[in-house]
């Protein structure tokens, strides 16, 4: 059953290794190589969303690549459109990754 009060954010949306045809939704400048579910959760939480353990599924398979496990996070809708939400998550993901490299 689908939860219409939530938005699904797949890890593949942010993977720099994939083309747009294979599921990437952000420009390569905002994408990261092989993002992890924990990085996605940290980026989403830094935007002010609170996530529960049942909202994160790191073993799910992205429909365009059903043979490989990917993962997703369910976020409650708060008035933002999905595209703008994905872009802001991508910016935080890249920022958090660059900060962790500089440590």
N, C-alpha and C. Protein backbone atom coordinates (compact mmCIF):
# COMPACT_ATOMS: atom_id res chain seq x y z
N UNK A 1 0.83 -1.17 0.00
CA UNK A 1 0.00 0.00 0.00
C UNK A 1 0.89 1.25 0.00
N UNK A 2 0.53 2.22 -0.79
CA UNK A 2 1.31 3.43 -0.96
C UNK A 2 0.89 4.48 0.05
N UNK A 3 1.87 5.16 0.60
CA UNK A 3 1.60 6.24 1.55
C UNK A 3 1.67 7.57 0.80
N UNK A 4 0.53 8.19 0.57
CA UNK A 4 0.48 9.40 -0.25
C UNK A 4 0.91 10.65 0.51
N UNK A 5 1.20 10.54 1.78
CA UNK A 5 1.68 11.68 2.55
C UNK A 5 3.20 11.73 2.59
N UNK A 6 3.84 10.82 1.88
CA UNK A 6 5.30 10.74 1.89
C UNK A 6 5.87 10.82 0.47
N UNK A 7 7.12 11.22 0.40
CA UNK A 7 7.88 11.26 -0.85
C UNK A 7 8.99 10.24 -0.71
N UNK A 8 9.22 9.45 -1.75
CA UNK A 8 10.30 8.46 -1.76
C UNK A 8 11.53 9.10 -2.41
N UNK A 9 12.65 9.06 -1.71
CA UNK A 9 13.92 9.59 -2.21
C UNK A 9 14.89 8.41 -2.34
N UNK A 10 15.21 8.04 -3.57
CA UNK A 10 16.10 6.91 -3.83
C UNK A 10 17.56 7.37 -3.85
N UNK A 11 18.45 6.50 -3.42
CA UNK A 11 19.89 6.78 -3.48
C UNK A 11 20.37 6.99 -4.91
N UNK A 12 19.75 6.29 -5.84
CA UNK A 12 20.18 6.38 -7.24
C UNK A 12 19.97 7.77 -7.83
N UNK A 13 19.13 8.58 -7.23
CA UNK A 13 18.91 9.94 -7.71
C UNK A 13 20.19 10.76 -7.63
N UNK A 14 21.10 10.39 -6.72
CA UNK A 14 22.28 11.19 -6.42
C UNK A 14 23.59 10.53 -6.85
N UNK A 15 23.54 9.39 -7.52
CA UNK A 15 24.74 8.64 -7.88
C UNK A 15 25.35 9.18 -9.16
N UNK A 16 26.57 9.67 -9.06
CA UNK A 16 27.27 10.26 -10.20
C UNK A 16 27.62 9.23 -11.27
N UNK A 17 27.67 7.96 -10.91
CA UNK A 17 28.01 6.91 -11.86
C UNK A 17 26.87 6.63 -12.86
N UNK A 18 25.67 7.08 -12.56
CA UNK A 18 24.52 6.78 -13.40
C UNK A 18 24.17 7.96 -14.30
N UNK A 19 23.66 7.62 -15.47
CA UNK A 19 23.15 8.65 -16.37
C UNK A 19 21.74 9.03 -15.92
N UNK A 20 21.23 10.07 -16.49
CA UNK A 20 19.85 10.47 -16.19
C UNK A 20 18.89 9.37 -16.64
N UNK A 21 19.24 8.70 -17.70
CA UNK A 21 18.42 7.61 -18.22
C UNK A 21 18.32 6.45 -17.23
N UNK A 22 19.37 6.25 -16.45
CA UNK A 22 19.39 5.15 -15.48
C UNK A 22 18.85 5.55 -14.11
N UNK A 23 18.46 6.82 -13.95
CA UNK A 23 17.81 7.19 -12.70
C UNK A 23 18.36 8.37 -11.95
N UNK A 24 19.50 8.93 -12.36
CA UNK A 24 20.02 10.10 -11.67
C UNK A 24 19.11 11.28 -11.95
N UNK A 25 18.78 12.06 -10.91
CA UNK A 25 17.85 13.19 -11.07
C UNK A 25 18.52 14.54 -10.88
N UNK A 26 19.77 14.55 -10.47
CA UNK A 26 20.46 15.82 -10.23
C UNK A 26 21.60 15.97 -11.22
N UNK A 27 22.06 17.21 -11.47
CA UNK A 27 23.22 17.38 -12.34
C UNK A 27 24.46 16.73 -11.74
N UNK A 28 25.40 16.39 -12.58
CA UNK A 28 26.61 15.73 -12.08
C UNK A 28 27.37 16.58 -11.08
N UNK A 29 27.24 17.89 -11.17
CA UNK A 29 27.92 18.77 -10.22
C UNK A 29 27.34 18.63 -8.81
N UNK A 30 26.10 18.16 -8.69
CA UNK A 30 25.47 17.96 -7.38
C UNK A 30 25.39 16.48 -7.00
N UNK A 31 25.94 15.62 -7.82
CA UNK A 31 25.88 14.18 -7.55
C UNK A 31 27.16 13.74 -6.83
N UNK A 32 27.10 12.55 -6.24
CA UNK A 32 28.24 11.98 -5.52
C UNK A 32 28.46 10.56 -6.01
N UNK A 33 29.71 10.12 -5.95
CA UNK A 33 30.01 8.74 -6.35
C UNK A 33 29.54 7.79 -5.25
N UNK A 34 28.69 6.86 -5.61
CA UNK A 34 28.19 5.80 -4.73
C UNK A 34 27.79 6.32 -3.33
N UNK A 35 26.75 7.14 -3.25
CA UNK A 35 26.32 7.62 -1.94
C UNK A 35 25.77 6.49 -1.07
N UNK A 36 25.93 6.62 0.21
CA UNK A 36 25.46 5.61 1.16
C UNK A 36 24.15 6.07 1.78
N UNK A 37 23.38 5.12 2.28
CA UNK A 37 22.11 5.45 2.92
C UNK A 37 22.34 6.33 4.14
N UNK A 38 23.41 6.09 4.87
CA UNK A 38 23.71 6.90 6.06
C UNK A 38 24.01 8.35 5.67
N UNK A 39 24.68 8.57 4.53
CA UNK A 39 24.94 9.92 4.05
C UNK A 39 23.65 10.61 3.64
N UNK A 40 22.76 9.86 3.01
CA UNK A 40 21.47 10.42 2.60
C UNK A 40 20.64 10.80 3.82
N UNK A 41 20.64 9.95 4.82
CA UNK A 41 19.90 10.24 6.05
C UNK A 41 20.47 11.48 6.73
N UNK A 42 21.80 11.59 6.79
CA UNK A 42 22.43 12.75 7.42
C UNK A 42 22.09 14.03 6.67
N UNK A 43 22.07 13.98 5.35
CA UNK A 43 21.73 15.17 4.55
C UNK A 43 20.28 15.57 4.78
N UNK A 44 19.39 14.60 4.84
CA UNK A 44 17.97 14.89 5.04
C UNK A 44 17.74 15.45 6.44
N UNK A 45 18.39 14.87 7.44
CA UNK A 45 18.23 15.36 8.80
C UNK A 45 18.82 16.76 8.98
N UNK A 46 19.88 17.08 8.23
CA UNK A 46 20.46 18.42 8.33
C UNK A 46 19.55 19.48 7.70
N UNK A 47 18.58 19.04 6.90
CA UNK A 47 17.58 19.96 6.33
C UNK A 47 16.41 20.19 7.28
N UNK A 48 16.41 19.49 8.41
CA UNK A 48 15.37 19.71 9.41
C UNK A 48 14.29 18.65 9.46
N UNK A 49 14.44 17.60 8.70
CA UNK A 49 13.46 16.50 8.73
C UNK A 49 13.87 15.49 9.79
N UNK A 50 12.89 14.95 10.49
CA UNK A 50 13.19 13.89 11.45
C UNK A 50 12.75 12.57 10.84
N UNK A 51 13.64 11.60 10.89
CA UNK A 51 13.38 10.30 10.28
C UNK A 51 13.31 9.22 11.35
N UNK A 52 12.42 8.28 11.15
CA UNK A 52 12.34 7.11 12.01
C UNK A 52 12.99 5.94 11.29
N UNK A 53 13.33 4.93 12.02
CA UNK A 53 14.01 3.78 11.44
C UNK A 53 13.19 3.10 10.35
N UNK A 54 11.86 3.12 10.49
CA UNK A 54 11.02 2.46 9.49
C UNK A 54 10.87 3.29 8.20
N UNK A 55 11.39 4.52 8.18
CA UNK A 55 11.35 5.34 6.98
C UNK A 55 12.57 5.14 6.09
N UNK A 56 13.55 4.38 6.54
CA UNK A 56 14.77 4.13 5.79
C UNK A 56 14.81 2.66 5.40
N UNK A 57 15.00 2.40 4.12
CA UNK A 57 15.11 1.03 3.62
C UNK A 57 16.36 0.96 2.75
N UNK A 58 17.44 0.43 3.32
CA UNK A 58 18.69 0.39 2.56
C UNK A 58 18.87 -0.89 1.75
N UNK A 59 17.89 -1.75 1.73
CA UNK A 59 17.98 -2.98 0.95
C UNK A 59 17.02 -3.03 -0.22
N UNK A 60 16.29 -1.95 -0.46
CA UNK A 60 15.32 -1.93 -1.55
C UNK A 60 16.03 -1.84 -2.90
N UNK A 61 15.31 -2.21 -3.93
CA UNK A 61 15.88 -2.20 -5.28
C UNK A 61 15.19 -1.13 -6.12
N UNK A 62 16.00 -0.25 -6.70
CA UNK A 62 15.48 0.80 -7.57
C UNK A 62 14.85 0.16 -8.80
N UNK A 63 13.65 0.55 -9.19
CA UNK A 63 12.95 -0.13 -10.28
C UNK A 63 13.72 -0.22 -11.60
N UNK A 64 14.52 0.78 -11.93
CA UNK A 64 15.26 0.73 -13.20
C UNK A 64 16.46 -0.21 -13.14
N UNK A 65 16.89 -0.58 -11.92
CA UNK A 65 18.02 -1.50 -11.74
C UNK A 65 17.62 -2.53 -10.69
N UNK A 66 16.66 -3.35 -11.02
CA UNK A 66 16.08 -4.27 -10.04
C UNK A 66 17.03 -5.38 -9.60
N UNK A 67 18.12 -5.56 -10.29
CA UNK A 67 19.06 -6.63 -9.94
C UNK A 67 20.09 -6.20 -8.90
N UNK A 68 20.12 -4.91 -8.54
CA UNK A 68 21.10 -4.41 -7.58
C UNK A 68 20.37 -3.69 -6.45
N UNK A 69 20.77 -3.95 -5.21
CA UNK A 69 20.18 -3.27 -4.06
C UNK A 69 20.64 -1.82 -4.02
N UNK A 70 19.72 -0.93 -3.72
CA UNK A 70 20.03 0.48 -3.67
C UNK A 70 19.62 1.05 -2.32
N UNK A 71 18.37 1.40 -2.18
CA UNK A 71 17.86 1.94 -0.92
C UNK A 71 17.11 3.23 -1.14
N UNK A 72 16.24 3.54 -0.19
CA UNK A 72 15.48 4.78 -0.26
C UNK A 72 15.13 5.27 1.13
N UNK A 73 14.66 6.52 1.18
CA UNK A 73 14.19 7.14 2.40
C UNK A 73 12.82 7.74 2.11
N UNK A 74 11.88 7.54 3.02
CA UNK A 74 10.55 8.14 2.89
C UNK A 74 10.51 9.40 3.75
N UNK A 75 10.10 10.50 3.14
CA UNK A 75 10.03 11.79 3.84
C UNK A 75 8.59 12.29 3.77
N UNK A 76 8.12 12.82 4.88
CA UNK A 76 6.78 13.40 4.88
C UNK A 76 6.76 14.67 4.04
N UNK A 77 5.68 14.84 3.28
CA UNK A 77 5.53 16.05 2.47
C UNK A 77 5.31 17.25 3.38
N UNK A 78 6.05 18.31 3.09
CA UNK A 78 5.90 19.54 3.87
C UNK A 78 5.70 20.73 2.95
N UNK A 79 5.02 20.54 1.84
CA UNK A 79 4.75 21.64 0.94
C UNK A 79 5.77 21.83 -0.17
N UNK A 80 6.96 21.24 -0.05
CA UNK A 80 7.96 21.37 -1.10
C UNK A 80 7.65 20.42 -2.24
N UNK A 81 8.01 20.83 -3.43
CA UNK A 81 7.89 19.92 -4.57
C UNK A 81 9.07 18.95 -4.52
N UNK A 82 8.87 17.78 -5.09
CA UNK A 82 9.88 16.73 -5.00
C UNK A 82 11.19 17.16 -5.66
N UNK A 83 11.13 17.84 -6.80
CA UNK A 83 12.35 18.25 -7.48
C UNK A 83 13.18 19.23 -6.66
N UNK A 84 12.53 20.18 -6.03
CA UNK A 84 13.28 21.14 -5.21
C UNK A 84 13.83 20.46 -3.95
N UNK A 85 13.10 19.50 -3.42
CA UNK A 85 13.58 18.73 -2.27
C UNK A 85 14.81 17.91 -2.64
N UNK A 86 14.77 17.27 -3.80
CA UNK A 86 15.91 16.47 -4.26
C UNK A 86 17.13 17.35 -4.46
N UNK A 87 16.94 18.54 -5.03
CA UNK A 87 18.07 19.45 -5.25
C UNK A 87 18.68 19.90 -3.93
N UNK A 88 17.85 20.24 -2.95
CA UNK A 88 18.39 20.68 -1.66
C UNK A 88 19.09 19.54 -0.93
N UNK A 89 18.58 18.32 -1.05
CA UNK A 89 19.25 17.16 -0.45
C UNK A 89 20.59 16.93 -1.13
N UNK A 90 20.64 17.06 -2.45
CA UNK A 90 21.89 16.86 -3.18
C UNK A 90 22.94 17.88 -2.75
N UNK A 91 22.53 19.12 -2.58
CA UNK A 91 23.48 20.15 -2.13
C UNK A 91 24.04 19.82 -0.75
N UNK A 92 23.18 19.37 0.16
CA UNK A 92 23.64 18.99 1.50
C UNK A 92 24.53 17.75 1.46
N UNK A 93 24.19 16.80 0.60
CA UNK A 93 24.97 15.57 0.48
C UNK A 93 26.39 15.88 0.02
N UNK A 94 26.52 16.73 -0.99
CA UNK A 94 27.84 17.11 -1.49
C UNK A 94 28.59 17.93 -0.44
N UNK A 95 27.90 18.84 0.24
CA UNK A 95 28.53 19.66 1.27
C UNK A 95 29.03 18.80 2.43
N UNK A 96 28.20 17.86 2.89
CA UNK A 96 28.60 16.98 3.99
C UNK A 96 29.77 16.09 3.59
N UNK A 97 29.78 15.62 2.35
CA UNK A 97 30.86 14.75 1.89
C UNK A 97 32.17 15.55 1.80
N UNK A 98 32.10 16.78 1.33
CA UNK A 98 33.32 17.59 1.23
C UNK A 98 33.85 17.94 2.62
N UNK A 99 32.95 18.17 3.57
CA UNK A 99 33.38 18.44 4.96
C UNK A 99 34.07 17.24 5.57
N UNK A 100 33.55 16.04 5.29
CA UNK A 100 34.15 14.83 5.88
C UNK A 100 35.52 14.55 5.27
N UNK A 101 35.74 14.95 4.04
CA UNK A 101 37.06 14.77 3.41
C UNK A 101 38.08 15.72 4.00
N UNK A 102 37.64 16.93 4.35
CA UNK A 102 38.55 17.95 4.87
C UNK A 102 38.95 17.74 6.31
N UNK A 103 38.33 16.82 7.00
CA UNK A 103 38.66 16.56 8.41
C UNK A 103 39.95 15.81 8.56
